[in-house]
Amino acid sequence: MFWSGPSSDLKIIIFLLVISVAVASFVYFKTKKILLGVFILSVLSNLILFYGMYYQFAEYYNIMWLFKFVRKIWPYMNLALFISLIIIFFKNKYAKNKNK
């Protein structure tokens, strides 16, 4: 990630993941929307792991399954969360307009 040893990269990744949990918690407590908080956490965690975890890192810690999951499956989960957020937004928007 930052051209250092794997243990240093792991510490940096964990630190960034803690920051992403803090940001997602702040968004949740500010908006009181659980799905938005989960989406923020998922996207930030995916970005951190996608760019922080490289092949040699995953091979060193024997976590190739996580490497493949982050690269191939997690982005589609984020897309599904994003689509559900859009559907809920429009459903709430048009439900309020119908009542007027």
C-alpha atoms as a PDB file:
ATOM      1  CA  MET A   1       0.000   0.000   0.000  1.00  0.00           C
ATOM      2  CA  PHE A   2       2.589   2.522   1.077  1.00  0.00           C
ATOM      3  CA  TRP A   3       5.640   0.464   0.053  1.00  0.00           C
ATOM      4  CA  SER A   4       6.388  -0.608   3.581  1.00  0.00           C
ATOM      5  CA  GLY A   5       6.215  -3.961   5.304  1.00  0.00           C
ATOM      6  CA  PRO A   6       2.992  -5.942   5.546  1.00  0.00           C
ATOM      7  CA  SER A   7       2.640  -5.294   9.287  1.00  0.00           C
ATOM      8  CA  SER A   8       2.799  -1.532   8.738  1.00  0.00           C
ATOM      9  CA  ASP A   9       0.255  -1.803   5.946  1.00  0.00           C
ATOM     10  CA  LEU A  10      -2.031  -3.792   8.233  1.00  0.00           C
ATOM     11  CA  LYS A  11      -1.830  -1.097  10.920  1.00  0.00           C
ATOM     12  CA  ILE A  12      -2.645   1.605   8.375  1.00  0.00           C
ATOM     13  CA  ILE A  13      -5.588  -0.384   7.006  1.00  0.00           C
ATOM     14  CA  ILE A  14      -6.993  -0.976  10.504  1.00  0.00           C
ATOM     15  CA  PHE A  15      -6.601   2.719  11.358  1.00  0.00           C
ATOM     16  CA  LEU A  16      -8.436   3.745   8.181  1.00  0.00           C
ATOM     17  CA  LEU A  17     -11.195   1.207   8.854  1.00  0.00           C
ATOM     18  CA  VAL A  18     -11.686   2.677  12.339  1.00  0.00           C
ATOM     19  CA  ILE A  19     -11.991   6.126  10.761  1.00  0.00           C
ATOM     20  CA  SER A  20     -14.585   4.792   8.298  1.00  0.00           C
ATOM     21  CA  VAL A  21     -16.622   3.353  11.205  1.00  0.00           C
ATOM     22  CA  ALA A  22     -16.457   6.747  12.928  1.00  0.00           C
ATOM     23  CA  VAL A  23     -17.606   8.557   9.775  1.00  0.00           C
ATOM     24  CA  ALA A  24     -20.466   6.102   9.222  1.00  0.00           C
ATOM     25  CA  SER A  25     -21.527   6.421  12.869  1.00  0.00           C
ATOM     26  CA  PHE A  26     -21.513  10.197  12.594  1.00  0.00           C
ATOM     27  CA  VAL A  27     -23.666  10.050   9.454  1.00  0.00           C
ATOM     28  CA  TYR A  28     -26.090   7.668  11.145  1.00  0.00           C
ATOM     29  CA  PHE A  29     -26.456   9.772  14.293  1.00  0.00           C
ATOM     30  CA  LYS A  30     -26.808  12.947  12.248  1.00  0.00           C
ATOM     31  CA  THR A  31     -29.430  11.614   9.809  1.00  0.00           C
ATOM     32  CA  LYS A  32     -30.985   8.704  11.790  1.00  0.00           C
ATOM     33  CA  LYS A  33     -31.009   6.619   8.598  1.00  0.00           C
ATOM     34  CA  ILE A  34     -29.499   3.209   9.184  1.00  0.00           C
ATOM     35  CA  LEU A  35     -29.271   2.242   5.520  1.00  0.00           C
ATOM     36  CA  LEU A  36     -27.319   5.399   4.695  1.00  0.00           C
ATOM     37  CA  GLY A  37     -24.877   4.691   7.526  1.00  0.00           C
ATOM     38  CA  VAL A  38     -24.401   1.105   6.355  1.00  0.00           C
ATOM     39  CA  PHE A  39     -23.867   2.281   2.781  1.00  0.00           C
ATOM     40  CA  ILE A  40     -21.239   4.841   3.846  1.00  0.00           C
ATOM     41  CA  LEU A  41     -19.447   2.223   5.943  1.00  0.00           C
ATOM     42  CA  SER A  42     -19.548  -0.322   3.141  1.00  0.00           C
ATOM     43  CA  VAL A  43     -18.243   2.047   0.466  1.00  0.00           C
ATOM     44  CA  LEU A  44     -15.451   3.452   2.630  1.00  0.00           C
ATOM     45  CA  SER A  45     -14.381  -0.002   3.815  1.00  0.00           C
ATOM     46  CA  ASN A  46     -14.415  -1.315   0.269  1.00  0.00           C
ATOM     47  CA  LEU A  47     -12.272   1.582  -0.964  1.00  0.00           C
ATOM     48  CA  ILE A  48      -9.800   1.130   1.877  1.00  0.00           C
ATOM     49  CA  LEU A  49      -9.468  -2.601   1.338  1.00  0.00           C
ATOM     50  CA  PHE A  50      -9.552  -2.372  -2.453  1.00  0.00           C
ATOM     51  CA  TYR A  51      -6.605   0.005  -2.588  1.00  0.00           C
ATOM     52  CA  GLY A  52      -4.878  -1.136   0.592  1.00  0.00           C
ATOM     53  CA  MET A  53      -4.848  -4.862  -0.026  1.00  0.00           C
ATOM     54  CA  TYR A  54      -2.576  -5.973  -2.817  1.00  0.00           C
ATOM     55  CA  TYR A  55      -1.829  -9.500  -3.987  1.00  0.00           C
ATOM     56  CA  GLN A  56       1.422  -9.965  -2.060  1.00  0.00           C
ATOM     57  CA  PHE A  57      -0.226  -8.638   1.115  1.00  0.00           C
ATOM     58  CA  ALA A  58      -3.067 -11.157   0.815  1.00  0.00           C
ATOM     59  CA  GLU A  59      -0.606 -13.925   0.048  1.00  0.00           C
ATOM     60  CA  TYR A  60       1.574 -13.012   3.054  1.00  0.00           C
ATOM     61  CA  TYR A  61      -1.365 -13.178   5.497  1.00  0.00           C
ATOM     62  CA  ASN A  62      -3.028 -16.089   3.647  1.00  0.00           C
ATOM     63  CA  ILE A  63      -6.270 -14.199   3.017  1.00  0.00           C
ATOM     64  CA  MET A  64      -6.717 -14.698  -0.702  1.00  0.00           C
ATOM     65  CA  TRP A  65     -10.440 -15.308  -0.176  1.00  0.00           C
ATOM     66  CA  LEU A  66     -10.785 -11.776   1.233  1.00  0.00           C
ATOM     67  CA  PHE A  67      -8.744 -10.364  -1.640  1.00  0.00           C
ATOM     68  CA  LYS A  68     -11.063 -12.003  -4.185  1.00  0.00           C
ATOM     69  CA  PHE A  69     -14.182 -10.986  -2.247  1.00  0.00           C
ATOM     70  CA  VAL A  70     -13.094  -7.329  -2.092  1.00  0.00           C
ATOM     71  CA  ARG A  71     -12.210  -7.259  -5.783  1.00  0.00           C
ATOM     72  CA  LYS A  72     -15.118  -9.212  -7.287  1.00  0.00           C
ATOM     73  CA  ILE A  73     -18.174  -9.343  -4.991  1.00  0.00           C
ATOM     74  CA  TRP A  74     -18.172  -6.353  -2.620  1.00  0.00           C
ATOM     75  CA  PRO A  75     -18.557  -3.672  -5.351  1.00  0.00           C
ATOM     76  CA  TYR A  76     -21.780  -5.355  -6.501  1.00  0.00           C
ATOM     77  CA  MET A  77     -23.061  -5.394  -2.929  1.00  0.00           C
ATOM     78  CA  ASN A  78     -22.400  -1.653  -2.759  1.00  0.00           C
ATOM     79  CA  LEU A  79     -24.276  -1.200  -6.013  1.00  0.00           C
ATOM     80  CA  ALA A  80     -27.266  -3.108  -4.599  1.00  0.00           C
ATOM     81  CA  LEU A  81     -27.202  -0.932  -1.464  1.00  0.00           C
ATOM     82  CA  PHE A  82     -27.043   2.202  -3.605  1.00  0.00           C
ATOM     83  CA  ILE A  83     -29.994   1.079  -5.734  1.00  0.00           C
ATOM     84  CA  SER A  84     -32.027   0.324  -2.616  1.00  0.00           C
ATOM     85  CA  LEU A  85     -31.200   3.787  -1.255  1.00  0.00           C
ATOM     86  CA  ILE A  86     -32.428   5.373  -4.492  1.00  0.00           C
ATOM     87  CA  ILE A  87     -35.636   3.309  -4.448  1.00  0.00           C
ATOM     88  CA  ILE A  88     -36.358   4.250  -0.835  1.00  0.00           C
ATOM     89  CA  PHE A  89     -35.628   7.909  -1.561  1.00  0.00           C
ATOM     90  CA  PHE A  90     -38.025   8.082  -4.506  1.00  0.00           C
ATOM     91  CA  LYS A  91     -40.653   6.034  -2.703  1.00  0.00           C
ATOM     92  CA  ASN A  92     -40.586   8.444   0.234  1.00  0.00           C
ATOM     93  CA  LYS A  93     -40.503  11.497  -2.026  1.00  0.00           C
ATOM     94  CA  TYR A  94     -43.543  10.478  -4.058  1.00  0.00           C
ATOM     95  CA  ALA A  95     -45.428   9.187  -1.014  1.00  0.00           C
ATOM     96  CA  LYS A  96     -45.170  12.672   0.553  1.00  0.00           C
ATOM     97  CA  ASN A  97     -46.366  14.327  -2.683  1.00  0.00           C
ATOM     98  CA  LYS A  98     -49.417  12.042  -2.921  1.00  0.00           C
ATOM     99  CA  ASN A  99     -50.614  13.017   0.543  1.00  0.00           C
ATOM    100  CA  LYS A 100     -50.672  16.733  -0.270  1.00  0.00           C
END
